[in-house]
Amino acid sequence: MEDDFSSKLTKLREFKAMEYRIDSLKQKGIDAKITVNIIKESFFPEDSTKNITLAFIEEDLGFAGSTAFIVKYDRDQKKIISVKKSTE
């Protein structure tokens, strides 16, 4: 499951844009990287009766970090069901 989710995750338009941004920052000498944290069971109340996995895609600049977007993956349907920009 995680390999399928990871594969779909890295093909997202939002993920590709973030990779491009990170590469640009690295070229400017900033130690930037993408961090992906996967939570197997969603803790959001609206997902309580569903088989949802979450991925938090974070931008780590070394001196600061933030969640860029949150991805929901339905393990029953084996597909990404939402990509939401973080409001942090």
N, C-alpha and C. Protein backbone atom coordinates (compact mmCIF):
# COMPACT_ATOMS: atom_id res chain seq x y z
N MET A 1 0.82 -1.19 0.00
CA MET A 1 0.00 0.00 0.00
C MET A 1 0.87 1.25 0.00
N GLU A 2 1.85 1.31 0.89
CA GLU A 2 2.65 2.52 1.00
C GLU A 2 3.45 2.80 -0.27
N ASP A 3 3.91 1.73 -0.96
CA ASP A 3 4.64 1.93 -2.20
C ASP A 3 3.73 2.53 -3.26
N ASP A 4 2.49 2.04 -3.35
CA ASP A 4 1.52 2.56 -4.31
C ASP A 4 1.21 4.02 -3.99
N PHE A 5 0.96 4.31 -2.73
CA PHE A 5 0.66 5.68 -2.29
C PHE A 5 1.85 6.59 -2.58
N SER A 6 3.04 6.16 -2.22
CA SER A 6 4.24 6.96 -2.44
C SER A 6 4.43 7.27 -3.92
N SER A 7 4.21 6.27 -4.76
CA SER A 7 4.35 6.45 -6.20
C SER A 7 3.35 7.50 -6.71
N LYS A 8 2.12 7.40 -6.28
CA LYS A 8 1.10 8.36 -6.70
C LYS A 8 1.38 9.75 -6.13
N LEU A 9 1.88 9.79 -4.93
CA LEU A 9 2.19 11.05 -4.26
C LEU A 9 3.26 11.84 -5.02
N THR A 10 4.31 11.17 -5.42
CA THR A 10 5.42 11.86 -6.10
C THR A 10 5.06 12.28 -7.52
N LYS A 11 3.95 11.79 -8.05
CA LYS A 11 3.50 12.19 -9.39
C LYS A 11 2.54 13.37 -9.36
N LEU A 12 2.13 13.79 -8.17
CA LEU A 12 1.20 14.91 -8.06
C LEU A 12 1.83 16.19 -8.59
N ARG A 13 1.02 17.00 -9.23
CA ARG A 13 1.46 18.31 -9.75
C ARG A 13 2.04 19.16 -8.61
N GLU A 14 1.39 19.14 -7.46
CA GLU A 14 1.84 19.92 -6.31
C GLU A 14 3.21 19.45 -5.81
N PHE A 15 3.43 18.14 -5.83
CA PHE A 15 4.71 17.59 -5.39
C PHE A 15 5.82 17.98 -6.37
N LYS A 16 5.52 17.88 -7.67
CA LYS A 16 6.51 18.25 -8.69
C LYS A 16 6.89 19.72 -8.57
N ALA A 17 5.89 20.58 -8.31
CA ALA A 17 6.16 22.01 -8.15
C ALA A 17 7.04 22.25 -6.93
N MET A 18 6.80 21.50 -5.88
CA MET A 18 7.60 21.65 -4.66
C MET A 18 9.04 21.18 -4.91
N GLU A 19 9.21 20.10 -5.64
CA GLU A 19 10.56 19.63 -5.99
C GLU A 19 11.32 20.70 -6.77
N TYR A 20 10.64 21.34 -7.70
CA TYR A 20 11.25 22.40 -8.49
C TYR A 20 11.68 23.55 -7.58
N ARG A 21 10.81 23.93 -6.65
CA ARG A 21 11.11 25.02 -5.71
C ARG A 21 12.33 24.66 -4.84
N ILE A 22 12.35 23.44 -4.32
CA ILE A 22 13.45 22.99 -3.48
C ILE A 22 14.77 23.00 -4.27
N ASP A 23 14.73 22.53 -5.51
CA ASP A 23 15.93 22.55 -6.35
C ASP A 23 16.43 23.97 -6.57
N SER A 24 15.50 24.91 -6.78
CA SER A 24 15.88 26.32 -6.96
C SER A 24 16.54 26.88 -5.70
N LEU A 25 15.98 26.54 -4.55
CA LEU A 25 16.56 27.00 -3.28
C LEU A 25 17.95 26.42 -3.07
N LYS A 26 18.12 25.15 -3.41
CA LYS A 26 19.44 24.51 -3.27
C LYS A 26 20.48 25.19 -4.15
N GLN A 27 20.08 25.59 -5.36
CA GLN A 27 21.00 26.28 -6.26
C GLN A 27 21.43 27.63 -5.69
N LYS A 28 20.63 28.20 -4.81
CA LYS A 28 20.95 29.47 -4.16
C LYS A 28 21.71 29.26 -2.85
N GLY A 29 22.04 27.99 -2.55
CA GLY A 29 22.84 27.69 -1.36
C GLY A 29 22.03 27.42 -0.10
N ILE A 30 20.73 27.32 -0.22
CA ILE A 30 19.88 27.03 0.95
C ILE A 30 19.73 25.52 1.08
N ASP A 31 19.98 25.01 2.27
CA ASP A 31 19.88 23.57 2.54
C ASP A 31 18.41 23.18 2.70
N ALA A 32 17.71 23.04 1.59
CA ALA A 32 16.27 22.77 1.60
C ALA A 32 16.01 21.32 1.24
N LYS A 33 14.93 20.79 1.79
CA LYS A 33 14.52 19.43 1.44
C LYS A 33 13.03 19.24 1.67
N ILE A 34 12.50 18.21 1.05
CA ILE A 34 11.10 17.83 1.22
C ILE A 34 11.06 16.68 2.21
N THR A 35 10.15 16.80 3.17
CA THR A 35 9.94 15.72 4.13
C THR A 35 8.50 15.23 3.98
N VAL A 36 8.32 13.92 3.96
CA VAL A 36 6.99 13.32 3.85
C VAL A 36 6.75 12.49 5.10
N ASN A 37 5.69 12.85 5.84
CA ASN A 37 5.29 12.09 7.02
C ASN A 37 3.95 11.44 6.74
N ILE A 38 3.92 10.12 6.86
CA ILE A 38 2.70 9.37 6.57
C ILE A 38 2.09 8.85 7.87
N ILE A 39 0.80 9.10 8.02
CA ILE A 39 0.02 8.62 9.16
C ILE A 39 -0.96 7.59 8.60
N LYS A 40 -0.81 6.34 9.00
CA LYS A 40 -1.61 5.26 8.41
C LYS A 40 -3.11 5.45 8.61
N GLU A 41 -3.54 5.89 9.78
CA GLU A 41 -4.96 6.09 10.06
C GLU A 41 -5.23 7.56 10.29
N SER A 42 -6.09 8.14 9.47
CA SER A 42 -6.43 9.56 9.61
C SER A 42 -7.04 9.84 10.97
N PHE A 43 -6.67 10.97 11.54
CA PHE A 43 -7.23 11.40 12.83
C PHE A 43 -8.30 12.47 12.65
N PHE A 44 -8.59 12.86 11.39
CA PHE A 44 -9.62 13.86 11.15
C PHE A 44 -10.99 13.25 11.39
N PRO A 45 -11.86 13.96 12.11
CA PRO A 45 -13.19 13.43 12.44
C PRO A 45 -13.99 12.99 11.21
N GLU A 46 -13.87 13.71 10.11
CA GLU A 46 -14.64 13.36 8.90
C GLU A 46 -14.18 12.05 8.28
N ASP A 47 -13.04 11.53 8.69
CA ASP A 47 -12.50 10.28 8.14
C ASP A 47 -12.68 9.09 9.09
N SER A 48 -13.37 9.29 10.19
CA SER A 48 -13.42 8.27 11.24
C SER A 48 -14.00 6.93 10.79
N THR A 49 -14.88 6.93 9.82
CA THR A 49 -15.49 5.68 9.37
C THR A 49 -14.89 5.19 8.05
N LYS A 50 -13.80 5.81 7.63
CA LYS A 50 -13.20 5.48 6.34
C LYS A 50 -11.79 4.92 6.53
N ASN A 51 -11.28 4.34 5.50
CA ASN A 51 -9.97 3.72 5.49
C ASN A 51 -8.97 4.68 4.84
N ILE A 52 -8.66 5.78 5.54
CA ILE A 52 -7.87 6.88 4.98
C ILE A 52 -6.49 6.96 5.61
N THR A 53 -5.48 7.13 4.75
CA THR A 53 -4.11 7.40 5.17
C THR A 53 -3.80 8.85 4.82
N LEU A 54 -3.03 9.50 5.68
CA LEU A 54 -2.65 10.89 5.46
C LEU A 54 -1.16 11.00 5.14
N ALA A 55 -0.82 11.99 4.33
CA ALA A 55 0.58 12.33 4.11
C ALA A 55 0.72 13.83 4.31
N PHE A 56 1.66 14.21 5.15
CA PHE A 56 1.97 15.61 5.37
C PHE A 56 3.26 15.90 4.61
N ILE A 57 3.17 16.76 3.61
CA ILE A 57 4.32 17.11 2.79
C ILE A 57 4.87 18.42 3.33
N GLU A 58 6.11 18.36 3.79
CA GLU A 58 6.69 19.52 4.47
C GLU A 58 7.93 20.03 3.75
N GLU A 59 8.08 21.35 3.83
CA GLU A 59 9.26 22.01 3.29
C GLU A 59 10.18 22.31 4.46
N ASP A 60 11.38 21.76 4.42
CA ASP A 60 12.36 21.96 5.49
C ASP A 60 13.51 22.79 4.94
N LEU A 61 13.67 24.00 5.49
CA LEU A 61 14.73 24.89 5.03
C LEU A 61 15.92 24.91 5.98
N GLY A 62 15.94 23.99 6.93
CA GLY A 62 17.04 23.95 7.89
C GLY A 62 16.78 24.88 9.05
N PHE A 63 16.54 26.13 8.78
CA PHE A 63 16.27 27.12 9.82
C PHE A 63 14.77 27.28 10.08
N ALA A 64 13.96 26.75 9.18
CA ALA A 64 12.49 26.84 9.34
C ALA A 64 11.85 25.73 8.51
N GLY A 65 10.67 25.35 8.91
CA GLY A 65 9.94 24.33 8.18
C GLY A 65 8.46 24.57 8.28
N SER A 66 7.73 24.07 7.30
CA SER A 66 6.28 24.21 7.34
C SER A 66 5.64 23.12 6.50
N THR A 67 4.39 22.80 6.85
CA THR A 67 3.62 21.84 6.07
C THR A 67 3.09 22.56 4.84
N ALA A 68 3.42 22.07 3.67
CA ALA A 68 2.99 22.69 2.43
C ALA A 68 1.59 22.22 2.04
N PHE A 69 1.38 20.90 2.13
CA PHE A 69 0.05 20.38 1.83
C PHE A 69 -0.17 19.02 2.48
N ILE A 70 -1.45 18.65 2.56
CA ILE A 70 -1.86 17.39 3.18
C ILE A 70 -2.59 16.58 2.11
N VAL A 71 -2.21 15.32 1.99
CA VAL A 71 -2.81 14.43 1.00
C VAL A 71 -3.56 13.32 1.72
N LYS A 72 -4.78 13.05 1.24
CA LYS A 72 -5.56 11.93 1.77
C LYS A 72 -5.62 10.83 0.71
N TYR A 73 -5.37 9.61 1.19
CA TYR A 73 -5.35 8.44 0.31
C TYR A 73 -6.35 7.42 0.83
N ASP A 74 -7.28 7.01 -0.03
CA ASP A 74 -8.28 6.00 0.34
C ASP A 74 -7.67 4.62 0.06
N ARG A 75 -7.44 3.87 1.11
CA ARG A 75 -6.80 2.55 0.95
C ARG A 75 -7.74 1.54 0.32
N ASP A 76 -9.06 1.71 0.45
CA ASP A 76 -9.99 0.78 -0.19
C ASP A 76 -10.03 1.00 -1.70
N GLN A 77 -10.10 2.26 -2.11
CA GLN A 77 -10.17 2.59 -3.54
C GLN A 77 -8.78 2.67 -4.18
N LYS A 78 -7.74 2.69 -3.32
CA LYS A 78 -6.35 2.79 -3.78
C LYS A 78 -6.12 4.02 -4.65
N LYS A 79 -6.63 5.17 -4.14
CA LYS A 79 -6.43 6.40 -4.88
C LYS A 79 -6.36 7.60 -3.95
N ILE A 80 -5.71 8.64 -4.43
CA ILE A 80 -5.64 9.90 -3.69
C ILE A 80 -7.00 10.58 -3.84
N ILE A 81 -7.59 10.95 -2.71
CA ILE A 81 -8.91 11.55 -2.77
C ILE A 81 -8.90 13.05 -2.50
N SER A 82 -7.82 13.57 -1.93
CA SER A 82 -7.73 15.03 -1.77
C SER A 82 -6.30 15.48 -1.56
N VAL A 83 -6.04 16.69 -2.04
CA VAL A 83 -4.77 17.38 -1.84
C VAL A 83 -5.15 18.77 -1.36
N LYS A 84 -4.79 19.06 -0.13
CA LYS A 84 -5.20 20.34 0.46
C LYS A 84 -3.98 21.13 0.88
N LYS A 85 -3.90 22.36 0.41
CA LYS A 85 -2.82 23.25 0.81
C LYS A 85 -2.96 23.54 2.30
N SER A 86 -1.85 23.51 3.00
CA SER A 86 -1.88 23.77 4.43
C SER A 86 -2.16 25.24 4.69
N THR A 87 -2.87 25.51 5.77
CA THR A 87 -3.22 26.89 6.11
C THR A 87 -2.41 27.38 7.29
N GLU A 88 -1.33 26.67 7.63
CA GLU A 88 -0.48 27.07 8.76
C GLU A 88 0.17 28.40 8.49
